Amino acid sequence: MSGLIILTGVFVTAFISGVFGMAGGLILMGILALVLPVSAAMVVHGVVQSVSNGWRAILHARWKNFVLGLFTPS
């Protein structure tokens, strides 16, 4: 049950961060602290944020290559 709460919290707070550009990580930490011990919540939060930032970097690199590929003289 706590896994479902965490997964739902991750998706909801990711949506909040995407729309407003802030506060998602703070809300996620609150949800994790309610469900998990503080030490485990900090580790899970770090893993979630690392995966999120890594995926964003991959998408940014792909988008940049796509856009530069369109405007590069052949």
C-alpha atoms as a PDB file:
ATOM      1  CA  MET A   1       0.000   0.000   0.000  1.00  0.00           C
ATOM      2  CA  SER A   2       2.810   2.434   0.813  1.00  0.00           C
ATOM      3  CA  GLY A   3       4.362   1.686  -2.589  1.00  0.00           C
ATOM      4  CA  LEU A   4       1.158   2.813  -4.293  1.00  0.00           C
ATOM      5  CA  ILE A   5       1.115   6.011  -2.216  1.00  0.00           C
ATOM      6  CA  ILE A   6       4.747   6.717  -3.124  1.00  0.00           C
ATOM      7  CA  LEU A   7       4.213   6.013  -6.830  1.00  0.00           C
ATOM      8  CA  THR A   8       1.103   8.195  -6.946  1.00  0.00           C
ATOM      9  CA  GLY A   9       2.924  10.927  -5.043  1.00  0.00           C
ATOM     10  CA  VAL A  10       5.829  10.822  -7.477  1.00  0.00           C
ATOM     11  CA  PHE A  11       3.541  11.237 -10.499  1.00  0.00           C
ATOM     12  CA  VAL A  12       1.387  13.945  -8.910  1.00  0.00           C
ATOM     13  CA  THR A  13       4.363  15.977  -7.722  1.00  0.00           C
ATOM     14  CA  ALA A  14       6.087  15.563 -11.111  1.00  0.00           C
ATOM     15  CA  PHE A  15       2.956  17.023 -12.701  1.00  0.00           C
ATOM     16  CA  ILE A  16       2.966  19.902 -10.210  1.00  0.00           C
ATOM     17  CA  SER A  17       6.629  20.592 -10.968  1.00  0.00           C
ATOM     18  CA  GLY A  18       5.949  20.482 -14.688  1.00  0.00           C
ATOM     19  CA  VAL A  19       3.050  22.936 -14.475  1.00  0.00           C
ATOM     20  CA  PHE A  20       4.376  25.366 -11.873  1.00  0.00           C
ATOM     21  CA  GLY A  21       8.125  24.749 -12.197  1.00  0.00           C
ATOM     22  CA  MET A  22       8.599  24.445  -8.439  1.00  0.00           C
ATOM     23  CA  ALA A  23       7.396  22.860  -5.192  1.00  0.00           C
ATOM     24  CA  GLY A  24       7.101  19.283  -6.478  1.00  0.00           C
ATOM     25  CA  GLY A  25      10.183  18.033  -4.641  1.00  0.00           C
ATOM     26  CA  LEU A  26       9.113  19.700  -1.425  1.00  0.00           C
ATOM     27  CA  ILE A  27       5.654  18.125  -1.552  1.00  0.00           C
ATOM     28  CA  LEU A  28       7.171  14.752  -2.464  1.00  0.00           C
ATOM     29  CA  MET A  29       9.480  14.924   0.559  1.00  0.00           C
ATOM     30  CA  GLY A  30       6.458  15.548   2.768  1.00  0.00           C
ATOM     31  CA  ILE A  31       4.629  12.537   1.324  1.00  0.00           C
ATOM     32  CA  LEU A  32       7.690  10.332   1.702  1.00  0.00           C
ATOM     33  CA  ALA A  33       8.222  11.485   5.294  1.00  0.00           C
ATOM     34  CA  LEU A  34       4.642  10.504   6.133  1.00  0.00           C
ATOM     35  CA  VAL A  35       5.025   7.008   4.673  1.00  0.00           C
ATOM     36  CA  LEU A  36       8.683   6.129   5.350  1.00  0.00           C
ATOM     37  CA  PRO A  37      11.231   6.726   8.093  1.00  0.00           C
ATOM     38  CA  VAL A  38      13.140   9.964   7.493  1.00  0.00           C
ATOM     39  CA  SER A  39      16.398   8.256   6.487  1.00  0.00           C
ATOM     40  CA  ALA A  40      14.631   6.062   3.918  1.00  0.00           C
ATOM     41  CA  ALA A  41      12.580   9.020   2.688  1.00  0.00           C
ATOM     42  CA  MET A  42      15.755  10.998   1.994  1.00  0.00           C
ATOM     43  CA  VAL A  43      17.293   8.128   0.029  1.00  0.00           C
ATOM     44  CA  VAL A  44      14.129   7.527  -2.013  1.00  0.00           C
ATOM     45  CA  HIS A  45      13.799  11.253  -2.674  1.00  0.00           C
ATOM     46  CA  GLY A  46      17.401  11.410  -3.893  1.00  0.00           C
ATOM     47  CA  VAL A  47      16.906   8.443  -6.220  1.00  0.00           C
ATOM     48  CA  VAL A  48      13.658   9.844  -7.636  1.00  0.00           C
ATOM     49  CA  GLN A  49      15.209  13.271  -8.235  1.00  0.00           C
ATOM     50  CA  SER A  50      18.319  11.745  -9.839  1.00  0.00           C
ATOM     51  CA  VAL A  51      16.250   9.646 -12.240  1.00  0.00           C
ATOM     52  CA  SER A  52      14.051  12.638 -13.034  1.00  0.00           C
ATOM     53  CA  ASN A  53      16.994  14.944 -13.740  1.00  0.00           C
ATOM     54  CA  GLY A  54      18.802  12.266 -15.742  1.00  0.00           C
ATOM     55  CA  TRP A  55      15.776  11.649 -17.931  1.00  0.00           C
ATOM     56  CA  ARG A  56      15.342  15.400 -18.444  1.00  0.00           C
ATOM     57  CA  ALA A  57      19.005  15.653 -19.524  1.00  0.00           C
ATOM     58  CA  ILE A  58      18.575  12.806 -22.016  1.00  0.00           C
ATOM     59  CA  LEU A  59      15.466  14.417 -23.497  1.00  0.00           C
ATOM     60  CA  HIS A  60      17.216  17.796 -23.687  1.00  0.00           C
ATOM     61  CA  ALA A  61      20.195  16.272 -25.522  1.00  0.00           C
ATOM     62  CA  ARG A  62      17.903  14.471 -27.996  1.00  0.00           C
ATOM     63  CA  TRP A  63      15.863  17.633 -28.607  1.00  0.00           C
ATOM     64  CA  LYS A  64      18.995  19.734 -29.052  1.00  0.00           C
ATOM     65  CA  ASN A  65      20.408  17.254 -31.587  1.00  0.00           C
ATOM     66  CA  PHE A  66      17.073  17.223 -33.447  1.00  0.00           C
ATOM     67  CA  VAL A  67      16.841  21.020 -33.613  1.00  0.00           C
ATOM     68  CA  LEU A  68      20.503  21.492 -34.552  1.00  0.00           C
ATOM     69  CA  GLY A  69      20.161  18.761 -37.163  1.00  0.00           C
ATOM     70  CA  LEU A  70      17.370  20.706 -38.835  1.00  0.00           C
ATOM     71  CA  PHE A  71      19.340  23.940 -39.035  1.00  0.00           C
ATOM     72  CA  THR A  72      22.785  22.568 -39.842  1.00  0.00           C
ATOM     73  CA  PRO A  73      23.883  23.339 -43.396  1.00  0.00           C
ATOM     74  CA  SER A  74      24.361  20.175 -45.430  1.00  0.00           C
END
